[in-house]
Amino acid sequence: MKILAVEDDAVARAVLRQALRRLGHDVVEAADGEAAWSLLQDEPVRVVVSDWMMPRLDGLDLCRRIRGRTKAEYLYFILLTSRDASEENQSSAADAGVDDFLTKPLDLPELWTRLRVAERILKYTTQVRQLEEMMPICSYCKKIRDDQNYWQQIEGYISERTGSDFSHSVCPDCYQRVVIPELEQVKAAMAARHVCTAQRKHPAT
């Protein structure tokens, strides 16, 4: 994978660069969050390993900017910091959109494990994105055509491939457009039936 290493300390950045290369990854570097953000506009990076405390733009603010992007492939963000992995710090990182949290000094086996997790997650996000972009779906009934050219409901299609279960509800637009007219029809039919019943019981003389 191509990984962006963001670290303002030159020595720590060199250590991180060397560790990532030893694990077989391509590495691009930035000395702070602003430089990293600028680099991300042109580099097809899928993982960022970033220090937390940096000048100009720190790791959390960099992550927030990345999460604010639209129509971009998902980028896995690992925060590297000398701060304690306290519940409060991990909560702050999670709220900013950080995927993983590593403490300094850098531990190579732990970094390897986290990057393997990143690879799996990025693989699944890519598959989901491709599924969203390429699913042949009927414009009228919203059924999906599968690989054997059969059409099936979207719930069954996704459930077969992901094992997901679905709960069903009604959105506000469909409630107004579909449910309320159907309720009115039922009420009208019940009222007409009541009138017919009353007429049979009390025929006009």
N, C-alpha and C. Protein backbone atom coordinates (compact mmCIF):
# COMPACT_ATOMS: atom_id res chain seq x y z
N MET A 1 0.84 -1.19 0.00
CA MET A 1 0.00 0.00 0.00
C MET A 1 0.87 1.25 0.00
N LYS A 2 0.30 2.33 -0.50
CA LYS A 2 0.98 3.62 -0.38
C LYS A 2 0.49 4.28 0.90
N ILE A 3 1.43 4.63 1.78
CA ILE A 3 1.10 5.16 3.10
C ILE A 3 1.73 6.53 3.26
N LEU A 4 0.95 7.44 3.81
CA LEU A 4 1.45 8.77 4.13
C LEU A 4 1.88 8.82 5.59
N ALA A 5 3.15 9.09 5.82
CA ALA A 5 3.69 9.22 7.17
C ALA A 5 3.78 10.70 7.52
N VAL A 6 3.10 11.10 8.58
CA VAL A 6 3.04 12.51 8.97
C VAL A 6 3.64 12.66 10.36
N GLU A 7 4.76 13.35 10.44
CA GLU A 7 5.47 13.49 11.71
C GLU A 7 6.36 14.72 11.64
N ASP A 8 6.23 15.63 12.63
CA ASP A 8 7.02 16.87 12.58
C ASP A 8 8.45 16.66 13.07
N ASP A 9 8.71 15.64 13.85
CA ASP A 9 10.07 15.37 14.31
C ASP A 9 10.80 14.56 13.23
N ALA A 10 11.91 15.09 12.73
CA ALA A 10 12.61 14.47 11.61
C ALA A 10 13.11 13.07 11.95
N VAL A 11 13.63 12.88 13.18
CA VAL A 11 14.14 11.57 13.56
C VAL A 11 13.00 10.56 13.66
N ALA A 12 11.91 10.96 14.31
CA ALA A 12 10.76 10.06 14.45
C ALA A 12 10.17 9.73 13.09
N ARG A 13 10.16 10.71 12.19
CA ARG A 13 9.64 10.47 10.84
C ARG A 13 10.52 9.46 10.09
N ALA A 14 11.83 9.57 10.26
CA ALA A 14 12.74 8.62 9.63
C ALA A 14 12.53 7.21 10.16
N VAL A 15 12.30 7.09 11.46
CA VAL A 15 12.02 5.78 12.07
C VAL A 15 10.74 5.19 11.50
N LEU A 16 9.70 6.03 11.41
CA LEU A 16 8.42 5.58 10.88
C LEU A 16 8.56 5.17 9.41
N ARG A 17 9.27 5.98 8.65
CA ARG A 17 9.48 5.67 7.23
C ARG A 17 10.18 4.33 7.06
N GLN A 18 11.22 4.12 7.84
CA GLN A 18 11.99 2.88 7.74
C GLN A 18 11.14 1.69 8.14
N ALA A 19 10.33 1.84 9.19
CA ALA A 19 9.47 0.74 9.64
C ALA A 19 8.45 0.37 8.57
N LEU A 20 7.83 1.36 7.95
CA LEU A 20 6.82 1.10 6.92
C LEU A 20 7.45 0.44 5.70
N ARG A 21 8.63 0.87 5.34
CA ARG A 21 9.31 0.25 4.19
C ARG A 21 9.73 -1.18 4.50
N ARG A 22 10.16 -1.43 5.73
CA ARG A 22 10.51 -2.80 6.11
C ARG A 22 9.30 -3.73 6.01
N LEU A 23 8.12 -3.17 6.21
CA LEU A 23 6.89 -3.97 6.11
C LEU A 23 6.38 -4.07 4.67
N GLY A 24 7.13 -3.49 3.73
CA GLY A 24 6.80 -3.66 2.32
C GLY A 24 5.90 -2.62 1.71
N HIS A 25 5.78 -1.46 2.35
CA HIS A 25 4.86 -0.44 1.85
C HIS A 25 5.62 0.71 1.18
N ASP A 26 4.95 1.37 0.24
CA ASP A 26 5.47 2.61 -0.32
C ASP A 26 5.15 3.74 0.65
N VAL A 27 6.08 4.67 0.80
CA VAL A 27 5.91 5.72 1.80
C VAL A 27 6.11 7.09 1.17
N VAL A 28 5.17 7.99 1.46
CA VAL A 28 5.35 9.42 1.19
C VAL A 28 5.31 10.12 2.54
N GLU A 29 5.95 11.27 2.64
CA GLU A 29 6.13 11.91 3.94
C GLU A 29 5.64 13.36 3.96
N ALA A 30 5.24 13.78 5.15
CA ALA A 30 4.88 15.18 5.37
C ALA A 30 5.30 15.56 6.79
N ALA A 31 5.74 16.82 6.95
CA ALA A 31 6.28 17.26 8.23
C ALA A 31 5.22 17.83 9.16
N ASP A 32 4.00 18.03 8.67
CA ASP A 32 2.91 18.48 9.53
C ASP A 32 1.59 18.26 8.80
N GLY A 33 0.50 18.57 9.50
CA GLY A 33 -0.81 18.31 8.93
C GLY A 33 -1.12 19.11 7.68
N GLU A 34 -0.70 20.37 7.62
CA GLU A 34 -0.95 21.18 6.44
C GLU A 34 -0.24 20.62 5.22
N ALA A 35 1.02 20.22 5.40
CA ALA A 35 1.77 19.62 4.30
C ALA A 35 1.12 18.31 3.86
N ALA A 36 0.63 17.54 4.83
CA ALA A 36 -0.04 16.28 4.51
C ALA A 36 -1.31 16.52 3.72
N TRP A 37 -2.08 17.51 4.15
CA TRP A 37 -3.34 17.83 3.46
C TRP A 37 -3.07 18.25 2.02
N SER A 38 -2.05 19.05 1.81
CA SER A 38 -1.68 19.47 0.46
C SER A 38 -1.26 18.28 -0.38
N LEU A 39 -0.49 17.39 0.19
CA LEU A 39 -0.02 16.22 -0.54
C LEU A 39 -1.16 15.29 -0.93
N LEU A 40 -2.16 15.19 -0.07
CA LEU A 40 -3.29 14.28 -0.33
C LEU A 40 -4.12 14.70 -1.52
N GLN A 41 -4.01 15.93 -1.96
CA GLN A 41 -4.78 16.39 -3.11
C GLN A 41 -4.32 15.71 -4.40
N ASP A 42 -3.07 15.24 -4.42
CA ASP A 42 -2.52 14.66 -5.64
C ASP A 42 -2.07 13.21 -5.49
N GLU A 43 -1.78 12.77 -4.28
CA GLU A 43 -1.25 11.42 -4.07
C GLU A 43 -2.39 10.43 -3.79
N PRO A 44 -2.40 9.28 -4.49
CA PRO A 44 -3.42 8.25 -4.25
C PRO A 44 -3.09 7.42 -3.02
N VAL A 45 -3.17 8.04 -1.85
CA VAL A 45 -2.83 7.38 -0.58
C VAL A 45 -4.08 6.72 0.00
N ARG A 46 -3.94 5.52 0.58
CA ARG A 46 -5.08 4.85 1.20
C ARG A 46 -4.96 4.79 2.72
N VAL A 47 -3.74 4.99 3.26
CA VAL A 47 -3.52 4.93 4.71
C VAL A 47 -2.68 6.13 5.13
N VAL A 48 -3.06 6.74 6.25
CA VAL A 48 -2.26 7.79 6.87
C VAL A 48 -1.85 7.32 8.27
N VAL A 49 -0.56 7.41 8.56
CA VAL A 49 -0.06 7.20 9.92
C VAL A 49 0.47 8.55 10.37
N SER A 50 -0.24 9.16 11.31
CA SER A 50 0.06 10.55 11.65
C SER A 50 0.29 10.74 13.14
N ASP A 51 1.28 11.60 13.45
CA ASP A 51 1.47 12.06 14.82
C ASP A 51 0.26 12.89 15.23
N TRP A 52 0.03 12.98 16.54
CA TRP A 52 -1.09 13.79 17.03
C TRP A 52 -0.68 15.25 17.14
N MET A 53 0.34 15.53 17.94
CA MET A 53 0.72 16.91 18.23
C MET A 53 1.72 17.41 17.19
N MET A 54 1.27 18.36 16.35
CA MET A 54 2.11 18.93 15.31
C MET A 54 1.77 20.41 15.15
N PRO A 55 2.71 21.21 14.64
CA PRO A 55 2.41 22.62 14.39
C PRO A 55 1.48 22.76 13.17
N ARG A 56 0.87 23.95 13.08
CA ARG A 56 -0.02 24.34 11.98
C ARG A 56 -1.32 23.54 11.95
N LEU A 57 -1.23 22.24 11.82
CA LEU A 57 -2.44 21.41 11.78
C LEU A 57 -2.11 20.08 12.44
N ASP A 58 -2.76 19.78 13.57
CA ASP A 58 -2.42 18.55 14.29
C ASP A 58 -3.12 17.34 13.67
N GLY A 59 -2.83 16.17 14.23
CA GLY A 59 -3.35 14.93 13.66
C GLY A 59 -4.86 14.83 13.65
N LEU A 60 -5.52 15.27 14.72
CA LEU A 60 -6.98 15.19 14.78
C LEU A 60 -7.63 16.11 13.76
N ASP A 61 -7.10 17.33 13.64
CA ASP A 61 -7.67 18.26 12.66
C ASP A 61 -7.43 17.79 11.23
N LEU A 62 -6.28 17.16 11.00
CA LEU A 62 -6.03 16.58 9.68
C LEU A 62 -7.06 15.49 9.39
N CYS A 63 -7.33 14.64 10.38
CA CYS A 63 -8.31 13.58 10.19
C CYS A 63 -9.70 14.15 9.92
N ARG A 64 -10.06 15.20 10.64
CA ARG A 64 -11.38 15.82 10.43
C ARG A 64 -11.50 16.35 9.00
N ARG A 65 -10.45 16.95 8.48
CA ARG A 65 -10.48 17.44 7.10
C ARG A 65 -10.66 16.29 6.12
N ILE A 66 -9.95 15.21 6.37
CA ILE A 66 -10.05 14.06 5.47
C ILE A 66 -11.46 13.49 5.50
N ARG A 67 -12.05 13.38 6.68
CA ARG A 67 -13.40 12.83 6.78
C ARG A 67 -14.43 13.78 6.16
N GLY A 68 -14.08 15.04 6.02
CA GLY A 68 -15.00 16.00 5.42
C GLY A 68 -15.01 15.96 3.90
N ARG A 69 -14.10 15.19 3.31
CA ARG A 69 -14.08 15.08 1.85
C ARG A 69 -15.29 14.30 1.36
N THR A 70 -15.78 14.67 0.20
CA THR A 70 -16.89 13.94 -0.41
C THR A 70 -16.42 13.30 -1.70
N LYS A 71 -17.07 12.20 -2.05
CA LYS A 71 -16.77 11.48 -3.30
C LYS A 71 -15.30 11.09 -3.39
N ALA A 72 -14.74 10.69 -2.28
CA ALA A 72 -13.35 10.23 -2.26
C ALA A 72 -13.32 8.83 -1.66
N GLU A 73 -12.35 8.02 -2.08
CA GLU A 73 -12.21 6.69 -1.51
C GLU A 73 -11.89 6.79 -0.03
N TYR A 74 -12.37 5.79 0.72
CA TYR A 74 -12.14 5.82 2.16
C TYR A 74 -10.65 5.72 2.45
N LEU A 75 -10.18 6.55 3.38
CA LEU A 75 -8.78 6.58 3.77
C LEU A 75 -8.68 6.13 5.23
N TYR A 76 -7.84 5.14 5.48
CA TYR A 76 -7.68 4.59 6.83
C TYR A 76 -6.68 5.45 7.59
N PHE A 77 -7.06 5.88 8.80
CA PHE A 77 -6.25 6.84 9.55
C PHE A 77 -5.79 6.22 10.87
N ILE A 78 -4.46 6.12 11.04
CA ILE A 78 -3.87 5.62 12.28
C ILE A 78 -3.18 6.79 12.98
N LEU A 79 -3.57 7.04 14.20
CA LEU A 79 -2.99 8.13 14.98
C LEU A 79 -1.85 7.59 15.85
N LEU A 80 -0.68 8.19 15.69
CA LEU A 80 0.51 7.78 16.44
C LEU A 80 0.86 8.90 17.42
N THR A 81 0.93 8.57 18.71
CA THR A 81 1.12 9.61 19.71
C THR A 81 1.88 9.11 20.93
N SER A 82 2.50 10.04 21.61
CA SER A 82 3.17 9.72 22.88
C SER A 82 2.21 9.88 24.05
N ARG A 83 1.00 10.37 23.81
CA ARG A 83 0.02 10.50 24.88
C ARG A 83 -0.44 9.13 25.35
N ASP A 84 -0.91 9.08 26.59
CA ASP A 84 -1.45 7.84 27.11
C ASP A 84 -2.70 7.44 26.33
N ALA A 85 -2.87 6.14 26.15
CA ALA A 85 -4.06 5.66 25.46
C ALA A 85 -5.23 5.60 26.43
N SER A 86 -5.52 6.74 27.04
CA SER A 86 -6.61 6.82 28.01
C SER A 86 -7.95 6.78 27.28
N GLU A 87 -8.99 6.53 28.06
CA GLU A 87 -10.33 6.50 27.48
C GLU A 87 -10.68 7.85 26.87
N GLU A 88 -10.29 8.93 27.53
CA GLU A 88 -10.59 10.27 27.03
C GLU A 88 -9.86 10.54 25.70
N ASN A 89 -8.57 10.17 25.63
CA ASN A 89 -7.81 10.40 24.40
C ASN A 89 -8.34 9.54 23.26
N GLN A 90 -8.66 8.30 23.55
CA GLN A 90 -9.21 7.44 22.50
C GLN A 90 -10.57 7.93 22.04
N SER A 91 -11.36 8.47 22.97
CA SER A 91 -12.65 9.02 22.60
C SER A 91 -12.48 10.24 21.69
N SER A 92 -11.52 11.12 22.02
CA SER A 92 -11.27 12.29 21.17
C SER A 92 -10.83 11.86 19.78
N ALA A 93 -9.98 10.84 19.71
CA ALA A 93 -9.52 10.35 18.41
C ALA A 93 -10.67 9.74 17.61
N ALA A 94 -11.50 8.95 18.26
CA ALA A 94 -12.63 8.33 17.56
C ALA A 94 -13.60 9.38 17.05
N ASP A 95 -13.87 10.40 17.86
CA ASP A 95 -14.79 11.47 17.46
C ASP A 95 -14.27 12.22 16.23
N ALA A 96 -12.96 12.30 16.08
CA ALA A 96 -12.37 13.00 14.94
C ALA A 96 -12.39 12.13 13.68
N GLY A 97 -12.69 10.83 13.83
CA GLY A 97 -12.73 9.93 12.68
C GLY A 97 -11.53 9.02 12.56
N VAL A 98 -10.70 8.98 13.62
CA VAL A 98 -9.51 8.12 13.60
C VAL A 98 -9.94 6.65 13.64
N ASP A 99 -9.28 5.81 12.84
CA ASP A 99 -9.61 4.39 12.79
C ASP A 99 -8.85 3.58 13.82
N ASP A 100 -7.60 3.99 14.08
CA ASP A 100 -6.78 3.21 15.01
C ASP A 100 -5.86 4.14 15.78
N PHE A 101 -5.32 3.64 16.88
CA PHE A 101 -4.62 4.48 17.85
C PHE A 101 -3.37 3.73 18.29
N LEU A 102 -2.18 4.27 17.99
CA LEU A 102 -0.92 3.65 18.40
C LEU A 102 -0.13 4.61 19.28
N THR A 103 0.51 4.09 20.31
CA THR A 103 1.31 4.92 21.19
C THR A 103 2.80 4.76 20.86
N LYS A 104 3.53 5.83 21.08
CA LYS A 104 4.99 5.79 20.93
C LYS A 104 5.61 5.20 22.20
N PRO A 105 6.82 4.62 22.11
CA PRO A 105 7.63 4.43 20.89
C PRO A 105 7.01 3.39 19.96
N LEU A 106 7.32 3.51 18.69
CA LEU A 106 6.74 2.66 17.67
C LEU A 106 7.14 1.20 17.88
N ASP A 107 6.15 0.32 17.84
CA ASP A 107 6.38 -1.11 17.97
C ASP A 107 6.09 -1.76 16.62
N LEU A 108 7.09 -2.34 15.99
CA LEU A 108 6.96 -2.84 14.63
C LEU A 108 5.91 -3.95 14.49
N PRO A 109 5.90 -4.99 15.35
CA PRO A 109 4.87 -6.02 15.21
C PRO A 109 3.45 -5.45 15.37
N GLU A 110 3.29 -4.50 16.28
CA GLU A 110 1.97 -3.90 16.47
C GLU A 110 1.58 -3.10 15.24
N LEU A 111 2.52 -2.36 14.68
CA LEU A 111 2.25 -1.60 13.45
C LEU A 111 1.86 -2.55 12.32
N TRP A 112 2.55 -3.66 12.20
CA TRP A 112 2.23 -4.66 11.17
C TRP A 112 0.80 -5.16 11.33
N THR A 113 0.42 -5.46 12.57
CA THR A 113 -0.93 -5.95 12.82
C THR A 113 -1.98 -4.91 12.42
N ARG A 114 -1.76 -3.67 12.81
CA ARG A 114 -2.75 -2.62 12.50
C ARG A 114 -2.86 -2.40 10.99
N LEU A 115 -1.75 -2.51 10.28
CA LEU A 115 -1.79 -2.31 8.83
C LEU A 115 -2.46 -3.48 8.12
N ARG A 116 -2.35 -4.68 8.67
CA ARG A 116 -3.09 -5.81 8.10
C ARG A 116 -4.59 -5.59 8.24
N VAL A 117 -5.01 -5.09 9.40
CA VAL A 117 -6.42 -4.76 9.61
C VAL A 117 -6.85 -3.69 8.60
N ALA A 118 -6.01 -2.67 8.41
CA ALA A 118 -6.31 -1.60 7.46
C ALA A 118 -6.50 -2.16 6.05
N GLU A 119 -5.63 -3.08 5.65
CA GLU A 119 -5.74 -3.67 4.31
C GLU A 119 -7.07 -4.38 4.12
N ARG A 120 -7.50 -5.14 5.15
CA ARG A 120 -8.77 -5.87 5.04
C ARG A 120 -9.94 -4.90 4.94
N ILE A 121 -9.94 -3.88 5.79
CA ILE A 121 -11.05 -2.93 5.79
C ILE A 121 -11.10 -2.16 4.48
N LEU A 122 -9.96 -1.74 3.97
CA LEU A 122 -9.93 -1.00 2.71
C LEU A 122 -10.40 -1.88 1.55
N LYS A 123 -10.08 -3.16 1.61
CA LYS A 123 -10.55 -4.08 0.58
C LYS A 123 -12.07 -4.12 0.57
N TYR A 124 -12.67 -4.22 1.76
CA TYR A 124 -14.14 -4.28 1.84
C TYR A 124 -14.78 -2.96 1.43
N THR A 125 -14.19 -1.83 1.81
CA THR A 125 -14.77 -0.55 1.42
C THR A 125 -14.70 -0.36 -0.09
N THR A 126 -13.64 -0.87 -0.71
CA THR A 126 -13.53 -0.78 -2.17
C THR A 126 -14.59 -1.64 -2.83
N GLN A 127 -14.82 -2.85 -2.29
CA GLN A 127 -15.84 -3.72 -2.85
C GLN A 127 -17.23 -3.10 -2.72
N VAL A 128 -17.51 -2.49 -1.57
CA VAL A 128 -18.81 -1.84 -1.38
C VAL A 128 -18.98 -0.68 -2.35
N ARG A 129 -17.93 0.10 -2.54
CA ARG A 129 -18.00 1.23 -3.46
C ARG A 129 -18.25 0.75 -4.88
N GLN A 130 -17.57 -0.31 -5.29
CA GLN A 130 -17.79 -0.86 -6.62
C GLN A 130 -19.20 -1.40 -6.76
N LEU A 131 -19.69 -2.03 -5.71
CA LEU A 131 -21.05 -2.56 -5.72
C LEU A 131 -22.05 -1.43 -5.90
N GLU A 132 -21.84 -0.33 -5.19
CA GLU A 132 -22.75 0.81 -5.29
C GLU A 132 -22.72 1.42 -6.69
N GLU A 133 -21.53 1.44 -7.30
CA GLU A 133 -21.39 2.09 -8.60
C GLU A 133 -21.86 1.22 -9.76
N MET A 134 -21.82 -0.12 -9.59
CA MET A 134 -22.03 -1.00 -10.72
C MET A 134 -23.27 -1.87 -10.62
N MET A 135 -24.04 -1.81 -9.52
CA MET A 135 -25.20 -2.67 -9.38
C MET A 135 -26.24 -2.35 -10.45
N PRO A 136 -26.63 -3.35 -11.28
CA PRO A 136 -27.71 -3.14 -12.24
C PRO A 136 -29.05 -3.19 -11.51
N ILE A 137 -29.72 -2.08 -11.40
CA ILE A 137 -30.95 -1.99 -10.62
C ILE A 137 -32.09 -1.47 -11.48
N CYS A 138 -33.25 -2.10 -11.38
CA CYS A 138 -34.41 -1.71 -12.17
C CYS A 138 -34.90 -0.33 -11.73
N SER A 139 -35.17 0.53 -12.71
CA SER A 139 -35.61 1.89 -12.40
C SER A 139 -37.01 1.93 -11.81
N TYR A 140 -37.80 0.85 -12.01
CA TYR A 140 -39.19 0.86 -11.56
C TYR A 140 -39.38 0.11 -10.24
N CYS A 141 -39.02 -1.17 -10.22
CA CYS A 141 -39.30 -1.97 -9.02
C CYS A 141 -38.11 -2.06 -8.07
N LYS A 142 -36.92 -1.56 -8.51
CA LYS A 142 -35.70 -1.54 -7.70
C LYS A 142 -35.14 -2.92 -7.42
N LYS A 143 -35.51 -3.93 -8.23
CA LYS A 143 -34.85 -5.22 -8.11
C LYS A 143 -33.44 -5.13 -8.71
N ILE A 144 -32.55 -6.03 -8.26
CA ILE A 144 -31.17 -6.04 -8.71
C ILE A 144 -30.90 -7.30 -9.52
N ARG A 145 -30.16 -7.18 -10.64
CA ARG A 145 -29.79 -8.34 -11.44
C ARG A 145 -28.50 -8.93 -10.89
N ASP A 146 -28.52 -10.24 -10.59
CA ASP A 146 -27.33 -10.88 -10.03
C ASP A 146 -26.42 -11.41 -11.14
N ASP A 147 -25.39 -12.16 -10.75
CA ASP A 147 -24.40 -12.63 -11.71
C ASP A 147 -24.96 -13.65 -12.69
N GLN A 148 -26.05 -14.33 -12.33
CA GLN A 148 -26.68 -15.32 -13.22
C GLN A 148 -27.83 -14.71 -14.02
N ASN A 149 -27.91 -13.40 -14.05
CA ASN A 149 -28.92 -12.67 -14.82
C ASN A 149 -30.33 -12.84 -14.26
N TYR A 150 -30.43 -13.18 -12.97
CA TYR A 150 -31.73 -13.24 -12.30
C TYR A 150 -31.97 -11.93 -11.56
N TRP A 151 -33.24 -11.55 -11.49
CA TRP A 151 -33.60 -10.32 -10.79
C TRP A 151 -34.16 -10.67 -9.43
N GLN A 152 -33.70 -9.98 -8.39
CA GLN A 152 -34.18 -10.25 -7.05
C GLN A 152 -34.23 -8.95 -6.25
N GLN A 153 -34.99 -9.01 -5.14
CA GLN A 153 -35.11 -7.84 -4.29
C GLN A 153 -33.74 -7.47 -3.71
N ILE A 154 -33.52 -6.19 -3.50
CA ILE A 154 -32.23 -5.71 -3.02
C ILE A 154 -31.85 -6.32 -1.68
N GLU A 155 -32.86 -6.59 -0.82
CA GLU A 155 -32.56 -7.17 0.49
C GLU A 155 -31.92 -8.56 0.34
N GLY A 156 -32.50 -9.39 -0.54
CA GLY A 156 -31.97 -10.72 -0.75
C GLY A 156 -30.59 -10.70 -1.38
N TYR A 157 -30.39 -9.78 -2.33
CA TYR A 157 -29.11 -9.66 -3.02
C TYR A 157 -27.98 -9.35 -2.04
N ILE A 158 -28.20 -8.35 -1.18
CA ILE A 158 -27.17 -7.94 -0.24
C ILE A 158 -27.01 -8.98 0.87
N SER A 159 -28.11 -9.57 1.32
CA SER A 159 -28.03 -10.56 2.39
C SER A 159 -27.21 -11.77 1.97
N GLU A 160 -27.36 -12.22 0.72
CA GLU A 160 -26.59 -13.37 0.24
C GLU A 160 -25.10 -13.10 0.25
N ARG A 161 -24.71 -11.85 0.01
CA ARG A 161 -23.30 -11.52 -0.13
C ARG A 161 -22.65 -11.05 1.16
N THR A 162 -23.46 -10.54 2.09
CA THR A 162 -22.87 -10.00 3.32
C THR A 162 -23.37 -10.67 4.58
N GLY A 163 -24.48 -11.43 4.49
CA GLY A 163 -25.07 -12.03 5.67
C GLY A 163 -25.86 -11.04 6.51
N SER A 164 -26.08 -9.83 5.97
CA SER A 164 -26.79 -8.80 6.73
C SER A 164 -28.29 -9.09 6.77
N ASP A 165 -28.91 -8.77 7.90
CA ASP A 165 -30.36 -8.82 8.04
C ASP A 165 -30.91 -7.42 7.91
N PHE A 166 -32.15 -7.31 7.46
CA PHE A 166 -32.76 -6.01 7.25
C PHE A 166 -33.99 -5.84 8.11
N SER A 167 -34.16 -4.65 8.64
CA SER A 167 -35.42 -4.27 9.27
C SER A 167 -36.08 -3.27 8.34
N HIS A 168 -37.39 -3.33 8.25
CA HIS A 168 -38.10 -2.49 7.28
C HIS A 168 -38.88 -1.40 7.98
N SER A 169 -38.89 -0.26 7.36
CA SER A 169 -39.65 0.87 7.85
C SER A 169 -40.16 1.65 6.64
N VAL A 170 -40.75 2.79 6.89
CA VAL A 170 -41.29 3.62 5.82
C VAL A 170 -40.76 5.04 6.00
N CYS A 171 -40.17 5.59 4.94
CA CYS A 171 -39.65 6.95 5.03
C CYS A 171 -40.81 7.94 5.00
N PRO A 172 -40.61 9.17 5.46
CA PRO A 172 -41.69 10.17 5.49
C PRO A 172 -42.31 10.44 4.12
N ASP A 173 -41.48 10.47 3.06
CA ASP A 173 -42.02 10.73 1.72
C ASP A 173 -42.97 9.63 1.28
N CYS A 174 -42.56 8.37 1.49
CA CYS A 174 -43.41 7.24 1.10
C CYS A 174 -44.66 7.16 1.99
N TYR A 175 -44.51 7.58 3.25
CA TYR A 175 -45.68 7.58 4.12
C TYR A 175 -46.75 8.52 3.58
N GLN A 176 -46.32 9.71 3.14
CA GLN A 176 -47.27 10.67 2.59
C GLN A 176 -47.80 10.22 1.23
N ARG A 177 -46.91 9.67 0.40
CA ARG A 177 -47.27 9.36 -0.98
C ARG A 177 -48.02 8.04 -1.12
N VAL A 178 -47.71 7.05 -0.25
CA VAL A 178 -48.27 5.71 -0.42
C VAL A 178 -49.18 5.32 0.74
N VAL A 179 -48.68 5.44 1.98
CA VAL A 179 -49.41 4.89 3.11
C VAL A 179 -50.71 5.65 3.37
N ILE A 180 -50.63 7.00 3.41
CA ILE A 180 -51.85 7.78 3.70
C ILE A 180 -52.94 7.53 2.66
N PRO A 181 -52.65 7.56 1.33
CA PRO A 181 -53.71 7.23 0.36
C PRO A 181 -54.28 5.83 0.55
N GLU A 182 -53.45 4.86 0.91
CA GLU A 182 -53.96 3.51 1.14
C GLU A 182 -54.88 3.48 2.36
N LEU A 183 -54.49 4.21 3.41
CA LEU A 183 -55.36 4.28 4.60
C LEU A 183 -56.69 4.93 4.26
N GLU A 184 -56.67 5.96 3.44
CA GLU A 184 -57.90 6.64 3.05
C GLU A 184 -58.80 5.70 2.25
N GLN A 185 -58.17 4.88 1.38
CA GLN A 185 -58.94 3.92 0.61
C GLN A 185 -59.60 2.89 1.52
N VAL A 186 -58.85 2.43 2.52
CA VAL A 186 -59.40 1.46 3.47
C VAL A 186 -60.56 2.06 4.24
N LYS A 187 -60.37 3.32 4.70
CA LYS A 187 -61.45 4.00 5.43
C LYS A 187 -62.69 4.14 4.57
N ALA A 188 -62.49 4.52 3.30
CA ALA A 188 -63.63 4.70 2.39
C ALA A 188 -64.34 3.37 2.15
N ALA A 189 -63.57 2.29 1.99
CA ALA A 189 -64.18 0.98 1.76
C ALA A 189 -64.95 0.53 2.99
N MET A 190 -64.39 0.78 4.17
CA MET A 190 -65.09 0.40 5.41
C MET A 190 -66.36 1.20 5.58
N ALA A 191 -66.32 2.49 5.24
CA ALA A 191 -67.51 3.32 5.35
C ALA A 191 -68.60 2.85 4.39
N ALA A 192 -68.19 2.51 3.15
CA ALA A 192 -69.16 2.03 2.16
C ALA A 192 -69.77 0.70 2.61
N ARG A 193 -68.93 -0.17 3.19
CA ARG A 193 -69.43 -1.45 3.68
C ARG A 193 -70.42 -1.24 4.82
N HIS A 194 -70.12 -0.26 5.68
CA HIS A 194 -71.02 0.03 6.80
C HIS A 194 -72.37 0.52 6.30
N VAL A 195 -72.34 1.36 5.26
CA VAL A 195 -73.59 1.86 4.69
C VAL A 195 -74.40 0.72 4.11
N CYS A 196 -73.75 -0.19 3.36
CA CYS A 196 -74.44 -1.32 2.76
C CYS A 196 -75.06 -2.22 3.84
N THR A 197 -74.30 -2.45 4.90
CA THR A 197 -74.81 -3.28 5.99
C THR A 197 -76.03 -2.65 6.64
N ALA A 198 -75.94 -1.33 6.86
CA ALA A 198 -77.07 -0.63 7.47
C ALA A 198 -78.29 -0.67 6.58
N GLN A 199 -78.10 -0.55 5.27
CA GLN A 199 -79.23 -0.60 4.35
C GLN A 199 -79.89 -1.97 4.33
N ARG A 200 -79.09 -3.03 4.44
CA ARG A 200 -79.66 -4.38 4.48
C ARG A 200 -80.46 -4.61 5.75
N LYS A 201 -79.97 -4.07 6.86
CA LYS A 201 -80.68 -4.25 8.12
C LYS A 201 -81.92 -3.39 8.20
N HIS A 202 -81.88 -2.22 7.60
CA HIS A 202 -83.02 -1.29 7.68
C HIS A 202 -83.39 -0.84 6.28
N PRO A 203 -83.94 -1.73 5.46
CA PRO A 203 -84.30 -1.33 4.09
C PRO A 203 -85.35 -0.23 4.10
N ALA A 204 -85.29 0.61 3.10
CA ALA A 204 -86.28 1.71 3.01
C ALA A 204 -87.65 1.13 2.70
N THR A 205 -88.67 1.70 3.33
CA THR A 205 -90.04 1.22 3.13
C THR A 205 -90.78 2.19 2.24
